Amino acid sequence: MKSEHQIQDEIRIALSENGCTIFRSNAGQVTTIEGRQFYGMPKGFPDLCGHRNSDGKSIYIEVKNEKGKLRPDQIKFGEFLKTQPVLYGVARSVEDALRIINKK
């Protein structure tokens, strides 16, 4: 079984080859070597975000492997994104991600 990290890398490559600009997002708290703490994106923020180059439509993709389940904070954030004029979905493969970005 592929790890989420492997799937994310495959999706980032495939989407960049299909007219998208995609970034890996870091959510939650990070502690540096020096012990300083800072916060990235809010909890539940999708793993990948970016835009379709053709029209600038925003893309948000939560990546899970075949057994991965959404956490409550990811479900809540996903429900919010579904109310917005963006492309959002959960992808377990490159094919899933391509279906998400090809929505109108």
PDB file of N, CA and C in Angstrom:
ATOM      1  N   MET A   1       0.850  -1.185   0.000  1.00  0.00           N
ATOM      2  CA  MET A   1       0.000   0.000   0.000  1.00  0.00           C
ATOM      3  C   MET A   1       0.892   1.244   0.000  1.00  0.00           C
ATOM      4  N   LYS A   2       0.537   2.201  -0.857  1.00  0.00           N
ATOM      5  CA  LYS A   2       1.290   3.448  -0.937  1.00  0.00           C
ATOM      6  C   LYS A   2       0.999   4.317   0.277  1.00  0.00           C
ATOM      7  N   SER A   3       1.993   5.099   0.673  1.00  0.00           N
ATOM      8  CA  SER A   3       1.794   6.062   1.757  1.00  0.00           C
ATOM      9  C   SER A   3       1.106   7.308   1.204  1.00  0.00           C
ATOM     10  N   GLU A   4       0.515   8.085   2.107  1.00  0.00           N
ATOM     11  CA  GLU A   4      -0.095   9.352   1.679  1.00  0.00           C
ATOM     12  C   GLU A   4       0.958  10.249   1.042  1.00  0.00           C
ATOM     13  N   HIS A   5       2.151  10.238   1.585  1.00  0.00           N
ATOM     14  CA  HIS A   5       3.222  11.077   1.038  1.00  0.00           C
ATOM     15  C   HIS A   5       3.525  10.695  -0.408  1.00  0.00           C
ATOM     16  N   GLN A   6       3.609   9.401  -0.712  1.00  0.00           N
ATOM     17  CA  GLN A   6       3.851   8.959  -2.090  1.00  0.00           C
ATOM     18  C   GLN A   6       2.721   9.408  -3.009  1.00  0.00           C
ATOM     19  N   ILE A   7       1.489   9.251  -2.546  1.00  0.00           N
ATOM     20  CA  ILE A   7       0.329   9.645  -3.354  1.00  0.00           C
ATOM     21  C   ILE A   7       0.341  11.151  -3.592  1.00  0.00           C
ATOM     22  N   GLN A   8       0.658  11.920  -2.558  1.00  0.00           N
ATOM     23  CA  GLN A   8       0.737  13.381  -2.712  1.00  0.00           C
ATOM     24  C   GLN A   8       1.755  13.760  -3.778  1.00  0.00           C
ATOM     25  N   ASP A   9       2.924  13.133  -3.733  1.00  0.00           N
ATOM     26  CA  ASP A   9       3.959  13.439  -4.725  1.00  0.00           C
ATOM     27  C   ASP A   9       3.477  13.108  -6.133  1.00  0.00           C
ATOM     28  N   GLU A  10       2.851  11.951  -6.298  1.00  0.00           N
ATOM     29  CA  GLU A  10       2.337  11.561  -7.618  1.00  0.00           C
ATOM     30  C   GLU A  10       1.286  12.550  -8.109  1.00  0.00           C
ATOM     31  N   ILE A  11       0.409  12.978  -7.207  1.00  0.00           N
ATOM     32  CA  ILE A  11      -0.642  13.933  -7.578  1.00  0.00           C
ATOM     33  C   ILE A  11      -0.039  15.279  -7.956  1.00  0.00           C
ATOM     34  N   ARG A  12       0.911  15.762  -7.179  1.00  0.00           N
ATOM     35  CA  ARG A  12       1.534  17.059  -7.490  1.00  0.00           C
ATOM     36  C   ARG A  12       2.172  17.040  -8.866  1.00  0.00           C
ATOM     37  N   ILE A  13       2.860  15.966  -9.203  1.00  0.00           N
ATOM     38  CA  ILE A  13       3.487  15.861 -10.520  1.00  0.00           C
ATOM     39  C   ILE A  13       2.423  15.821 -11.616  1.00  0.00           C
ATOM     40  N   ALA A  14       1.419  14.958 -11.432  1.00  0.00           N
ATOM     41  CA  ALA A  14       0.375  14.804 -12.459  1.00  0.00           C
ATOM     42  C   ALA A  14      -0.390  16.104 -12.682  1.00  0.00           C
ATOM     43  N   LEU A  15      -0.732  16.803 -11.605  1.00  0.00           N
ATOM     44  CA  LEU A  15      -1.493  18.035 -11.770  1.00  0.00           C
ATOM     45  C   LEU A  15      -0.648  19.123 -12.420  1.00  0.00           C
ATOM     46  N   SER A  16       0.644  19.168 -12.090  1.00  0.00           N
ATOM     47  CA  SER A  16       1.503  20.164 -12.728  1.00  0.00           C
ATOM     48  C   SER A  16       1.643  19.868 -14.224  1.00  0.00           C
ATOM     49  N   GLU A  17       1.557  18.594 -14.593  1.00  0.00           N
ATOM     50  CA  GLU A  17       1.614  18.213 -16.010  1.00  0.00           C
ATOM     51  C   GLU A  17       0.271  18.423 -16.707  1.00  0.00           C
ATOM     52  N   ASN A  18      -0.778  18.716 -15.924  1.00  0.00           N
ATOM     53  CA  ASN A  18      -2.114  18.922 -16.477  1.00  0.00           C
ATOM     54  C   ASN A  18      -2.629  20.335 -16.229  1.00  0.00           C
ATOM     55  N   GLY A  19      -1.726  21.307 -16.295  1.00  0.00           N
ATOM     56  CA  GLY A  19      -2.128  22.705 -16.286  1.00  0.00           C
ATOM     57  C   GLY A  19      -2.516  23.292 -14.942  1.00  0.00           C
ATOM     58  N   CYS A  20      -1.900  22.789 -13.861  1.00  0.00           N
ATOM     59  CA  CYS A  20      -2.200  23.329 -12.524  1.00  0.00           C
ATOM     60  C   CYS A  20      -0.913  23.716 -11.809  1.00  0.00           C
ATOM     61  N   THR A  21      -1.042  24.653 -10.904  1.00  0.00           N
ATOM     62  CA  THR A  21       0.036  24.995  -9.992  1.00  0.00           C
ATOM     63  C   THR A  21      -0.412  24.512  -8.617  1.00  0.00           C
ATOM     64  N   ILE A  22       0.338  23.604  -8.021  1.00  0.00           N
ATOM     65  CA  ILE A  22      -0.071  22.940  -6.787  1.00  0.00           C
ATOM     66  C   ILE A  22       1.038  23.030  -5.751  1.00  0.00           C
ATOM     67  N   PHE A  23       0.625  23.270  -4.499  1.00  0.00           N
ATOM     68  CA  PHE A  23       1.559  23.363  -3.372  1.00  0.00           C
ATOM     69  C   PHE A  23       1.140  22.400  -2.271  1.00  0.00           C
ATOM     70  N   ARG A  24       2.106  21.921  -1.517  1.00  0.00           N
ATOM     71  CA  ARG A  24       1.848  21.107  -0.325  1.00  0.00           C
ATOM     72  C   ARG A  24       1.614  22.063   0.817  1.00  0.00           C
ATOM     73  N   SER A  25       0.529  21.863   1.570  1.00  0.00           N
ATOM     74  CA  SER A  25       0.235  22.741   2.702  1.00  0.00           C
ATOM     75  C   SER A  25       0.592  22.036   4.006  1.00  0.00           C
ATOM     76  N   ASN A  26       1.066  22.797   4.943  1.00  0.00           N
ATOM     77  CA  ASN A  26       1.328  22.268   6.277  1.00  0.00           C
ATOM     78  C   ASN A  26       0.343  22.891   7.243  1.00  0.00           C
ATOM     79  N   ALA A  27      -0.357  22.037   7.976  1.00  0.00           N
ATOM     80  CA  ALA A  27      -1.357  22.531   8.921  1.00  0.00           C
ATOM     81  C   ALA A  27      -0.911  22.218  10.343  1.00  0.00           C
ATOM     82  N   GLY A  28      -1.398  22.996  11.267  1.00  0.00           N
ATOM     83  CA  GLY A  28      -1.120  22.742  12.672  1.00  0.00           C
ATOM     84  C   GLY A  28       0.147  23.421  13.149  1.00  0.00           C
ATOM     85  N   GLN A  29       0.657  22.935  14.273  1.00  0.00           N
ATOM     86  CA  GLN A  29       1.789  23.549  14.960  1.00  0.00           C
ATOM     87  C   GLN A  29       3.097  22.876  14.589  1.00  0.00           C
ATOM     88  N   VAL A  30       4.150  23.692  14.435  1.00  0.00           N
ATOM     89  CA  VAL A  30       5.483  23.190  14.142  1.00  0.00           C
ATOM     90  C   VAL A  30       6.432  23.733  15.193  1.00  0.00           C
ATOM     91  N   THR A  31       7.325  22.876  15.695  1.00  0.00           N
ATOM     92  CA  THR A  31       8.343  23.312  16.646  1.00  0.00           C
ATOM     93  C   THR A  31       9.693  23.225  15.960  1.00  0.00           C
ATOM     94  N   THR A  32      10.446  24.321  15.978  1.00  0.00           N
ATOM     95  CA  THR A  32      11.758  24.354  15.346  1.00  0.00           C
ATOM     96  C   THR A  32      12.789  23.695  16.248  1.00  0.00           C
ATOM     97  N   ILE A  33      13.985  23.493  15.708  1.00  0.00           N
ATOM     98  CA  ILE A  33      15.078  22.911  16.486  1.00  0.00           C
ATOM     99  C   ILE A  33      15.376  23.764  17.708  1.00  0.00           C
ATOM    100  N   GLU A  34      15.223  25.068  17.555  1.00  0.00           N
ATOM    101  CA  GLU A  34      15.495  25.997  18.670  1.00  0.00           C
ATOM    102  C   GLU A  34      14.372  25.998  19.705  1.00  0.00           C
ATOM    103  N   GLY A  35      13.302  25.263  19.444  1.00  0.00           N
ATOM    104  CA  GLY A  35      12.187  25.200  20.386  1.00  0.00           C
ATOM    105  C   GLY A  35      11.107  26.244  20.152  1.00  0.00           C
ATOM    106  N   ARG A  36      11.252  27.063  19.113  1.00  0.00           N
ATOM    107  CA  ARG A  36      10.219  28.047  18.807  1.00  0.00           C
ATOM    108  C   ARG A  36       9.045  27.350  18.136  1.00  0.00           C
ATOM    109  N   GLN A  37       7.853  27.834  18.411  1.00  0.00           N
ATOM    110  CA  GLN A  37       6.664  27.238  17.825  1.00  0.00           C
ATOM    111  C   GLN A  37       5.962  28.252  16.937  1.00  0.00           C
ATOM    112  N   PHE A  38       5.429  27.759  15.840  1.00  0.00           N
ATOM    113  CA  PHE A  38       4.605  28.600  14.987  1.00  0.00           C
ATOM    114  C   PHE A  38       3.529  27.740  14.373  1.00  0.00           C
ATOM    115  N   TYR A  39       2.517  28.396  13.850  1.00  0.00           N
ATOM    116  CA  TYR A  39       1.375  27.695  13.291  1.00  0.00           C
ATOM    117  C   TYR A  39       1.308  27.912  11.794  1.00  0.00           C
ATOM    118  N   GLY A  40       1.026  26.825  11.068  1.00  0.00           N
ATOM    119  CA  GLY A  40       0.836  26.902   9.625  1.00  0.00           C
ATOM    120  C   GLY A  40      -0.636  27.152   9.342  1.00  0.00           C
ATOM    121  N   MET A  41      -1.146  26.443   8.384  1.00  0.00           N
ATOM    122  CA  MET A  41      -2.549  26.574   8.012  1.00  0.00           C
ATOM    123  C   MET A  41      -3.422  26.040   9.155  1.00  0.00           C
ATOM    124  N   PRO A  42      -4.707  26.397   9.172  1.00  0.00           N
ATOM    125  CA  PRO A  42      -5.582  25.914  10.241  1.00  0.00           C
ATOM    126  C   PRO A  42      -5.750  24.389  10.186  1.00  0.00           C
ATOM    127  N   LYS A  43      -6.044  23.801  11.325  1.00  0.00           N
ATOM    128  CA  LYS A  43      -6.275  22.358  11.383  1.00  0.00           C
ATOM    129  C   LYS A  43      -7.382  21.980  10.405  1.00  0.00           C
ATOM    130  N   GLY A  44      -7.172  20.870   9.713  1.00  0.00           N
ATOM    131  CA  GLY A  44      -8.158  20.406   8.752  1.00  0.00           C
ATOM    132  C   GLY A  44      -7.938  20.915   7.346  1.00  0.00           C
ATOM    133  N   PHE A  45      -7.003  21.869   7.175  1.00  0.00           N
ATOM    134  CA  PHE A  45      -6.727  22.419   5.844  1.00  0.00           C
ATOM    135  C   PHE A  45      -6.224  21.289   4.952  1.00  0.00           C
ATOM    136  N   PRO A  46      -6.691  21.201   3.700  1.00  0.00           N
ATOM    137  CA  PRO A  46      -6.285  20.112   2.803  1.00  0.00           C
ATOM    138  C   PRO A  46      -4.777  20.058   2.548  1.00  0.00           C
ATOM    139  N   ASP A  47      -4.316  18.861   2.192  1.00  0.00           N
ATOM    140  CA  ASP A  47      -2.887  18.621   1.970  1.00  0.00           C
ATOM    141  C   ASP A  47      -2.323  19.402   0.797  1.00  0.00           C
ATOM    142  N   LEU A  48      -3.106  19.535  -0.267  1.00  0.00           N
ATOM    143  CA  LEU A  48      -2.638  20.204  -1.474  1.00  0.00           C
ATOM    144  C   LEU A  48      -3.574  21.352  -1.831  1.00  0.00           C
ATOM    145  N   CYS A  49      -2.994  22.442  -2.296  1.00  0.00           N
ATOM    146  CA  CYS A  49      -3.820  23.561  -2.750  1.00  0.00           C
ATOM    147  C   CYS A  49      -3.091  24.246  -3.895  1.00  0.00           C
ATOM    148  N   GLY A  50      -3.844  24.997  -4.655  1.00  0.00           N
ATOM    149  CA  GLY A  50      -3.261  25.698  -5.788  1.00  0.00           C
ATOM    150  C   GLY A  50      -4.339  26.221  -6.698  1.00  0.00           C
ATOM    151  N   HIS A  51      -4.059  26.233  -7.992  1.00  0.00           N
ATOM    152  CA  HIS A  51      -5.047  26.739  -8.944  1.00  0.00           C
ATOM    153  C   HIS A  51      -4.856  26.098 -10.319  1.00  0.00           C
ATOM    154  N   ARG A  52      -5.957  26.141 -11.083  1.00  0.00           N
ATOM    155  CA  ARG A  52      -5.906  25.723 -12.491  1.00  0.00           C
ATOM    156  C   ARG A  52      -5.370  26.905 -13.268  1.00  0.00           C
ATOM    157  N   ASN A  53      -4.332  26.692 -14.037  1.00  0.00           N
ATOM    158  CA  ASN A  53      -3.694  27.802 -14.747  1.00  0.00           C
ATOM    159  C   ASN A  53      -4.589  28.417 -15.814  1.00  0.00           C
ATOM    160  N   SER A  54      -5.481  27.634 -16.398  1.00  0.00           N
ATOM    161  CA  SER A  54      -6.315  28.134 -17.490  1.00  0.00           C
ATOM    162  C   SER A  54      -7.301  29.204 -17.055  1.00  0.00           C
ATOM    163  N   ASP A  55      -7.824  29.086 -15.844  1.00  0.00           N
ATOM    164  CA  ASP A  55      -8.850  30.039 -15.399  1.00  0.00           C
ATOM    165  C   ASP A  55      -8.655  30.558 -13.975  1.00  0.00           C
ATOM    166  N   GLY A  56      -7.608  30.124 -13.301  1.00  0.00           N
ATOM    167  CA  GLY A  56      -7.334  30.596 -11.949  1.00  0.00           C
ATOM    168  C   GLY A  56      -8.207  29.982 -10.867  1.00  0.00           C
ATOM    169  N   LYS A  57      -9.041  29.011 -11.217  1.00  0.00           N
ATOM    170  CA  LYS A  57      -9.938  28.372 -10.242  1.00  0.00           C
ATOM    171  C   LYS A  57      -9.101  27.706  -9.151  1.00  0.00           C
ATOM    172  N   SER A  58      -9.424  27.996  -7.890  1.00  0.00           N
ATOM    173  CA  SER A  58      -8.692  27.438  -6.750  1.00  0.00           C
ATOM    174  C   SER A  58      -8.982  25.954  -6.576  1.00  0.00           C
ATOM    175  N   ILE A  59      -7.943  25.233  -6.165  1.00  0.00           N
ATOM    176  CA  ILE A  59      -8.015  23.784  -5.969  1.00  0.00           C
ATOM    177  C   ILE A  59      -7.587  23.451  -4.541  1.00  0.00           C
ATOM    178  N   TYR A  60      -8.357  22.584  -3.889  1.00  0.00           N
ATOM    179  CA  TYR A  60      -8.017  22.077  -2.560  1.00  0.00           C
ATOM    180  C   TYR A  60      -8.248  20.571  -2.567  1.00  0.00           C
ATOM    181  N   ILE A  61      -7.201  19.806  -2.270  1.00  0.00           N
ATOM    182  CA  ILE A  61      -7.314  18.351  -2.297  1.00  0.00           C
ATOM    183  C   ILE A  61      -6.785  17.758  -1.005  1.00  0.00           C
ATOM    184  N   GLU A  62      -7.623  16.974  -0.354  1.00  0.00           N
ATOM    185  CA  GLU A  62      -7.210  16.194   0.814  1.00  0.00           C
ATOM    186  C   GLU A  62      -6.776  14.833   0.291  1.00  0.00           C
ATOM    187  N   VAL A  63      -5.562  14.409   0.634  1.00  0.00           N
ATOM    188  CA  VAL A  63      -5.022  13.144   0.133  1.00  0.00           C
ATOM    189  C   VAL A  63      -5.083  12.087   1.232  1.00  0.00           C
ATOM    190  N   LYS A  64      -5.603  10.931   0.873  1.00  0.00           N
ATOM    191  CA  LYS A  64      -5.659   9.778   1.780  1.00  0.00           C
ATOM    192  C   LYS A  64      -5.198   8.548   1.017  1.00  0.00           C
ATOM    193  N   ASN A  65      -4.593   7.604   1.727  1.00  0.00           N
ATOM    194  CA  ASN A  65      -4.299   6.342   1.068  1.00  0.00           C
ATOM    195  C   ASN A  65      -5.560   5.485   1.100  1.00  0.00           C
ATOM    196  N   GLU A  66      -5.481   4.264   0.625  1.00  0.00           N
ATOM    197  CA  GLU A  66      -6.695   3.458   0.477  1.00  0.00           C
ATOM    198  C   GLU A  66      -7.413   3.169   1.793  1.00  0.00           C
ATOM    199  N   LYS A  67      -6.701   3.219   2.913  1.00  0.00           N
ATOM    200  CA  LYS A  67      -7.337   2.952   4.208  1.00  0.00           C
ATOM    201  C   LYS A  67      -7.552   4.214   5.038  1.00  0.00           C
ATOM    202  N   GLY A  68      -7.055   5.349   4.564  1.00  0.00           N
ATOM    203  CA  GLY A  68      -7.117   6.587   5.332  1.00  0.00           C
ATOM    204  C   GLY A  68      -8.534   7.113   5.500  1.00  0.00           C
ATOM    205  N   LYS A  69      -8.801   7.676   6.675  1.00  0.00           N
ATOM    206  CA  LYS A  69     -10.113   8.255   6.981  1.00  0.00           C
ATOM    207  C   LYS A  69      -9.944   9.722   7.337  1.00  0.00           C
ATOM    208  N   LEU A  70     -10.947  10.508   6.986  1.00  0.00           N
ATOM    209  CA  LEU A  70     -10.920  11.928   7.329  1.00  0.00           C
ATOM    210  C   LEU A  70     -11.111  12.111   8.826  1.00  0.00           C
ATOM    211  N   ARG A  71     -10.323  13.015   9.407  1.00  0.00           N
ATOM    212  CA  ARG A  71     -10.507  13.401  10.811  1.00  0.00           C
ATOM    213  C   ARG A  71     -11.672  14.388  10.891  1.00  0.00           C
ATOM    214  N   PRO A  72     -12.241  14.557  12.078  1.00  0.00           N
ATOM    215  CA  PRO A  72     -13.356  15.509  12.213  1.00  0.00           C
ATOM    216  C   PRO A  72     -13.017  16.921  11.733  1.00  0.00           C
ATOM    217  N   ASP A  73     -11.794  17.402  12.010  1.00  0.00           N
ATOM    218  CA  ASP A  73     -11.428  18.751  11.551  1.00  0.00           C
ATOM    219  C   ASP A  73     -11.319  18.816  10.031  1.00  0.00           C
ATOM    220  N   GLN A  74     -10.915  17.720   9.392  1.00  0.00           N
ATOM    221  CA  GLN A  74     -10.853  17.691   7.926  1.00  0.00           C
ATOM    222  C   GLN A  74     -12.252  17.652   7.321  1.00  0.00           C
ATOM    223  N   ILE A  75     -13.150  16.922   7.964  1.00  0.00           N
ATOM    224  CA  ILE A  75     -14.544  16.887   7.506  1.00  0.00           C
ATOM    225  C   ILE A  75     -15.154  18.282   7.589  1.00  0.00           C
ATOM    226  N   LYS A  76     -14.939  18.952   8.713  1.00  0.00           N
ATOM    227  CA  LYS A  76     -15.500  20.293   8.911  1.00  0.00           C
ATOM    228  C   LYS A  76     -14.947  21.276   7.880  1.00  0.00           C
ATOM    229  N   PHE A  77     -13.647  21.233   7.642  1.00  0.00           N
ATOM    230  CA  PHE A  77     -13.053  22.152   6.663  1.00  0.00           C
ATOM    231  C   PHE A  77     -13.570  21.830   5.268  1.00  0.00           C
ATOM    232  N   GLY A  78     -13.687  20.547   4.948  1.00  0.00           N
ATOM    233  CA  GLY A  78     -14.218  20.138   3.648  1.00  0.00           C
ATOM    234  C   GLY A  78     -15.641  20.604   3.436  1.00  0.00           C
ATOM    235  N   GLU A  79     -16.463  20.539   4.485  1.00  0.00           N
ATOM    236  CA  GLU A  79     -17.842  21.018   4.386  1.00  0.00           C
ATOM    237  C   GLU A  79     -17.868  22.512   4.088  1.00  0.00           C
ATOM    238  N   PHE A  80     -16.963  23.255   4.720  1.00  0.00           N
ATOM    239  CA  PHE A  80     -16.863  24.692   4.427  1.00  0.00           C
ATOM    240  C   PHE A  80     -16.472  24.908   2.961  1.00  0.00           C
ATOM    241  N   LEU A  81     -15.437  24.196   2.497  1.00  0.00           N
ATOM    242  CA  LEU A  81     -14.970  24.389   1.122  1.00  0.00           C
ATOM    243  C   LEU A  81     -16.047  24.061   0.098  1.00  0.00           C
ATOM    244  N   LYS A  82     -16.919  23.120   0.407  1.00  0.00           N
ATOM    245  CA  LYS A  82     -18.000  22.760  -0.514  1.00  0.00           C
ATOM    246  C   LYS A  82     -18.996  23.898  -0.706  1.00  0.00           C
ATOM    247  N   THR A  83     -18.987  24.887   0.190  1.00  0.00           N
ATOM    248  CA  THR A  83     -19.882  26.042   0.054  1.00  0.00           C
ATOM    249  C   THR A  83     -19.230  27.179  -0.733  1.00  0.00           C
ATOM    250  N   GLN A  84     -17.983  26.982  -1.134  1.00  0.00           N
ATOM    251  CA  GLN A  84     -17.215  28.023  -1.807  1.00  0.00           C
ATOM    252  C   GLN A  84     -17.074  27.713  -3.302  1.00  0.00           C
ATOM    253  N   PRO A  85     -16.784  28.729  -4.098  1.00  0.00           N
ATOM    254  CA  PRO A  85     -16.618  28.515  -5.548  1.00  0.00           C
ATOM    255  C   PRO A  85     -15.218  27.991  -5.889  1.00  0.00           C
ATOM    256  N   VAL A  86     -14.883  26.824  -5.338  1.00  0.00           N
ATOM    257  CA  VAL A  86     -13.565  26.221  -5.527  1.00  0.00           C
ATOM    258  C   VAL A  86     -13.724  24.760  -5.941  1.00  0.00           C
ATOM    259  N   LEU A  87     -12.624  24.158  -6.373  1.00  0.00           N
ATOM    260  CA  LEU A  87     -12.586  22.729  -6.666  1.00  0.00           C
ATOM    261  C   LEU A  87     -12.035  22.031  -5.433  1.00  0.00           C
ATOM    262  N   TYR A  88     -12.819  21.125  -4.852  1.00  0.00           N
ATOM    263  CA  TYR A  88     -12.399  20.447  -3.626  1.00  0.00           C
ATOM    264  C   TYR A  88     -12.779  18.974  -3.706  1.00  0.00           C
ATOM    265  N   GLY A  89     -11.944  18.139  -3.131  1.00  0.00           N
ATOM    266  CA  GLY A  89     -12.287  16.735  -3.016  1.00  0.00           C
ATOM    267  C   GLY A  89     -11.211  15.965  -2.279  1.00  0.00           C
ATOM    268  N   VAL A  90     -11.532  14.710  -2.009  1.00  0.00           N
ATOM    269  CA  VAL A  90     -10.592  13.781  -1.375  1.00  0.00           C
ATOM    270  C   VAL A  90     -10.063  12.873  -2.478  1.00  0.00           C
ATOM    271  N   ALA A  91      -8.747  12.752  -2.558  1.00  0.00           N
ATOM    272  CA  ALA A  91      -8.131  11.921  -3.590  1.00  0.00           C
ATOM    273  C   ALA A  91      -7.305  10.816  -2.947  1.00  0.00           C
ATOM    274  N   ARG A  92      -7.512   9.610  -3.446  1.00  0.00           N
ATOM    275  CA  ARG A  92      -6.724   8.456  -3.019  1.00  0.00           C
ATOM    276  C   ARG A  92      -5.793   7.997  -4.142  1.00  0.00           C
ATOM    277  N   SER A  93      -5.841   8.734  -5.272  1.00  0.00           N
ATOM    278  CA  SER A  93      -5.027   8.387  -6.435  1.00  0.00           C
ATOM    279  C   SER A  93      -4.918   9.593  -7.359  1.00  0.00           C
ATOM    280  N   VAL A  94      -4.028   9.486  -8.323  1.00  0.00           N
ATOM    281  CA  VAL A  94      -3.902  10.530  -9.345  1.00  0.00           C
ATOM    282  C   VAL A  94      -5.220  10.665 -10.100  1.00  0.00           C
ATOM    283  N   GLU A  95      -5.855   9.530 -10.407  1.00  0.00           N
ATOM    284  CA  GLU A  95      -7.116   9.558 -11.155  1.00  0.00           C
ATOM    285  C   GLU A  95      -8.189  10.348 -10.406  1.00  0.00           C
ATOM    286  N   ASP A  96      -8.267  10.147  -9.081  1.00  0.00           N
ATOM    287  CA  ASP A  96      -9.228  10.918  -8.271  1.00  0.00           C
ATOM    288  C   ASP A  96      -8.926  12.411  -8.377  1.00  0.00           C
ATOM    289  N   ALA A  97      -7.649  12.772  -8.268  1.00  0.00           N
ATOM    290  CA  ALA A  97      -7.263  14.186  -8.317  1.00  0.00           C
ATOM    291  C   ALA A  97      -7.588  14.794  -9.677  1.00  0.00           C
ATOM    292  N   LEU A  98      -7.353  14.047 -10.741  1.00  0.00           N
ATOM    293  CA  LEU A  98      -7.671  14.565 -12.080  1.00  0.00           C
ATOM    294  C   LEU A  98      -9.178  14.786 -12.234  1.00  0.00           C
ATOM    295  N   ARG A  99      -9.988  13.911 -11.650  1.00  0.00           N
ATOM    296  CA  ARG A  99     -11.453  14.125 -11.692  1.00  0.00           C
ATOM    297  C   ARG A  99     -11.822  15.412 -10.951  1.00  0.00           C
ATOM    298  N   ILE A 100     -11.171  15.677  -9.837  1.00  0.00           N
ATOM    299  CA  ILE A 100     -11.458  16.899  -9.057  1.00  0.00           C
ATOM    300  C   ILE A 100     -11.133  18.139  -9.880  1.00  0.00           C
ATOM    301  N   ILE A 101      -9.959  18.175 -10.508  1.00  0.00           N
ATOM    302  CA  ILE A 101      -9.569  19.395 -11.217  1.00  0.00           C
ATOM    303  C   ILE A 101     -10.295  19.590 -12.533  1.00  0.00           C
ATOM    304  N   ASN A 102     -10.908  18.536 -13.048  1.00  0.00           N
ATOM    305  CA  ASN A 102     -11.620  18.658 -14.328  1.00  0.00           C
ATOM    306  C   ASN A 102     -13.083  18.983 -14.160  1.00  0.00           C
ATOM    307  N   LYS A 103     -13.521  19.241 -12.922  1.00  0.00           N
ATOM    308  CA  LYS A 103     -14.887  19.716 -12.706  1.00  0.00           C
ATOM    309  C   LYS A 103     -14.988  21.124 -13.271  1.00  0.00           C
ATOM    310  N   LYS A 104     -16.155  21.486 -13.721  1.00  0.00           N
ATOM    311  CA  LYS A 104     -16.359  22.836 -14.302  1.00  0.00           C
ATOM    312  C   LYS A 104     -16.346  23.885 -13.254  1.00  0.00           C
TER     313      LYS A 104
END
